[in-house]
């Protein structure tokens, strides 16, 4: 059963996030700093009304998680309220995949977003996760761009 993450789940969320970044090849030797920053993020934001993290347990252990972050943009013709959400941090532990856990988390986040008045939910998909999102109605959009500042 999917449920809202709580402060006592922070260490498990950090563990899953570390596994996600390792799997994506994003860890670059500063694992301790990243782990500390991740712990600080979840501790500070677990009860933030502009974000929501969902967890799923199997045999009492958190094995899957995902988050949604809310923000307001200026109104557009297709979104007069401007409220949108970004799905992030979707991860299921390797040994617990192919049980529908990620689908359950994603459905839960989508329902929570809809109940919160969101008109649009978007995300960045890894190649491994793309089929999951397509299965739930997400479509590819090639209009997104990003800029990454150099570290000082």
Protein backbone atom coordinates (compact mmCIF):
# COMPACT_ATOMS: atom_id res chain seq x y z
CA UNK A 1 0.00 0.00 0.00
CA UNK A 2 1.30 3.43 -0.93
CA UNK A 3 1.49 6.01 1.85
CA UNK A 4 2.89 9.46 2.54
CA UNK A 5 6.50 9.46 3.70
CA UNK A 6 7.18 10.72 7.22
CA UNK A 7 10.21 12.10 9.02
CA UNK A 8 11.09 8.64 10.35
CA UNK A 9 11.46 7.45 6.73
CA UNK A 10 14.23 9.91 5.81
CA UNK A 11 17.10 7.41 6.11
CA UNK A 12 15.29 4.92 3.87
CA UNK A 13 14.59 7.67 1.32
CA UNK A 14 18.27 8.64 1.37
CA UNK A 15 19.25 5.02 0.79
CA UNK A 16 16.91 4.69 -2.20
CA UNK A 17 18.12 8.02 -3.64
CA UNK A 18 21.74 6.88 -3.33
CA UNK A 19 20.87 3.66 -5.18
CA UNK A 20 19.09 5.67 -7.89
CA UNK A 21 22.06 7.97 -8.45
CA UNK A 22 24.46 5.01 -8.48
CA UNK A 23 22.31 3.24 -11.05
CA UNK A 24 22.20 6.37 -13.23
CA UNK A 25 25.98 6.77 -12.97
CA UNK A 26 25.59 10.18 -11.33
CA UNK A 27 27.79 9.63 -8.28
CA UNK A 28 31.18 11.17 -8.91
CA UNK A 29 33.25 10.49 -5.83
CA UNK A 30 31.50 12.88 -3.44
CA UNK A 31 29.04 10.33 -2.08
CA UNK A 32 29.35 11.51 1.53
CA UNK A 33 28.52 15.12 0.63
CA UNK A 34 25.67 14.00 -1.61
CA UNK A 35 24.28 11.69 1.07
CA UNK A 36 24.38 14.49 3.66
CA UNK A 37 22.71 16.97 1.28
CA UNK A 38 20.02 14.41 0.44
CA UNK A 39 19.33 13.77 4.11
CA UNK A 40 19.07 17.53 4.73
CA UNK A 41 16.71 17.91 1.75
CA UNK A 42 14.28 15.21 2.87
CA UNK A 43 14.40 16.34 6.50
CA UNK A 44 13.58 19.93 5.50
CA UNK A 45 10.96 19.06 2.88
CA UNK A 46 9.16 15.95 4.07
CA UNK A 47 6.35 18.09 5.52
CA UNK A 48 6.61 20.98 3.05
CA UNK A 49 3.15 21.67 1.56
CA UNK A 50 4.77 22.27 -1.84
CA UNK A 51 6.15 18.74 -2.05
CA UNK A 52 4.91 15.24 -1.36
CA UNK A 53 6.84 11.98 -1.17
CA UNK A 54 5.13 8.61 -1.40
CA UNK A 55 6.56 5.30 -0.23
CA UNK A 56 5.66 1.65 -0.65
CA UNK A 57 6.70 -1.06 1.78
CA UNK A 58 7.22 -4.77 1.17
CA UNK A 59 7.68 -6.96 4.23
CA UNK A 60 7.97 -3.84 6.38
CA UNK A 61 10.81 -2.35 4.32
CA UNK A 62 10.52 0.74 2.10
CA UNK A 63 11.34 -0.57 -1.38
CA UNK A 64 9.85 2.09 -3.65
CA UNK A 65 9.43 5.86 -3.51
CA UNK A 66 8.61 8.87 -5.60
CA UNK A 67 8.09 12.58 -5.07
CA UNK A 68 6.06 15.39 -6.57
CA UNK A 69 6.89 19.08 -6.24
CA UNK A 70 4.29 21.80 -6.81
CA UNK A 71 4.85 25.25 -8.25
CA UNK A 72 2.84 28.09 -9.74
CA UNK A 73 3.54 29.58 -13.15
CA UNK A 74 1.81 32.56 -14.70
CA UNK A 75 -1.51 31.48 -16.23
CA UNK A 76 -1.59 30.18 -19.77
CA UNK A 77 -4.63 29.51 -21.98
CA UNK A 78 -4.34 25.79 -21.20
CA UNK A 79 -3.65 26.29 -17.48
CA UNK A 80 -5.49 29.28 -16.05
CA UNK A 81 -4.48 28.54 -12.46
CA UNK A 82 -0.84 28.01 -13.42
CA UNK A 83 -0.43 25.19 -10.87
CA UNK A 84 1.89 22.44 -12.07
CA UNK A 85 3.78 19.55 -10.56
CA UNK A 86 7.06 17.85 -11.30
CA UNK A 87 7.52 14.14 -10.57
CA UNK A 88 10.99 13.17 -9.41
CA UNK A 89 12.95 10.67 -7.39
CA UNK A 90 11.04 7.65 -8.70
CA UNK A 91 12.89 4.51 -7.68
CA UNK A 92 12.20 0.90 -6.79
CA UNK A 93 14.92 -1.27 -5.27
CA UNK A 94 16.31 -3.70 -7.84
CA UNK A 95 15.17 -6.89 -6.06
CA UNK A 96 11.59 -5.56 -5.86
CA UNK A 97 11.03 -4.61 -9.48
CA UNK A 98 8.37 -6.09 -11.78
CA UNK A 99 5.76 -6.11 -9.01
CA UNK A 100 3.96 -2.92 -10.06
CA UNK A 101 5.40 -0.85 -7.22
CA UNK A 102 6.53 2.05 -9.42
CA UNK A 103 3.14 2.08 -11.12
CA UNK A 104 1.43 2.24 -7.73
CA UNK A 105 3.67 5.12 -6.62
CA UNK A 106 3.13 7.01 -9.89
CA UNK A 107 -0.67 6.55 -9.79
CA UNK A 108 -0.69 7.77 -6.20
CA UNK A 109 1.36 10.87 -7.08
CA UNK A 110 -0.85 11.60 -10.09
CA UNK A 111 -4.01 11.31 -7.98
CA UNK A 112 -2.51 13.50 -5.28
CA UNK A 113 -1.55 16.09 -7.89
CA UNK A 114 -5.01 16.07 -9.41
CA UNK A 115 -6.66 16.45 -5.99
CA UNK A 116 -4.29 19.36 -5.33
CA UNK A 117 -5.57 21.20 -8.39
CA UNK A 118 -2.66 20.56 -10.73
CA UNK A 119 -3.38 20.90 -14.43
CA UNK A 120 -0.06 19.55 -15.70
CA UNK A 121 2.41 17.02 -14.35
CA UNK A 122 5.75 16.61 -16.02
CA UNK A 123 9.00 14.75 -15.44
CA UNK A 124 12.33 13.70 -16.88
CA UNK A 125 12.41 9.99 -17.69
CA UNK A 126 15.41 7.70 -17.72
CA UNK A 127 15.49 5.23 -20.58
CA UNK A 128 14.56 2.49 -18.09
CA UNK A 129 11.54 4.43 -16.81
CA UNK A 130 10.16 5.77 -20.08
CA UNK A 131 7.78 2.85 -20.71
CA UNK A 132 6.30 3.19 -17.20
CA UNK A 133 5.40 6.82 -17.80
CA UNK A 134 4.05 6.16 -21.29
CA UNK A 135 1.86 3.39 -19.88
CA UNK A 136 0.28 5.99 -17.58
CA UNK A 137 -0.38 8.52 -20.35
CA UNK A 138 2.73 10.68 -20.29
CA UNK A 139 3.87 11.84 -23.71
CA UNK A 140 7.29 12.94 -24.88
CA UNK A 141 7.79 16.67 -25.16
CA UNK A 142 10.87 17.99 -26.89
CA UNK A 143 10.47 21.62 -25.86
CA UNK A 144 12.37 21.36 -22.57
CA UNK A 145 15.92 22.68 -22.28
CA UNK A 146 18.27 23.20 -19.37
CA UNK A 147 21.35 25.17 -18.43
CA UNK A 148 23.80 23.97 -15.80
CA UNK A 149 26.01 26.52 -14.07
CA UNK A 150 29.68 25.68 -13.66
CA UNK A 151 30.79 24.96 -10.12
CA UNK A 152 32.94 27.63 -8.50
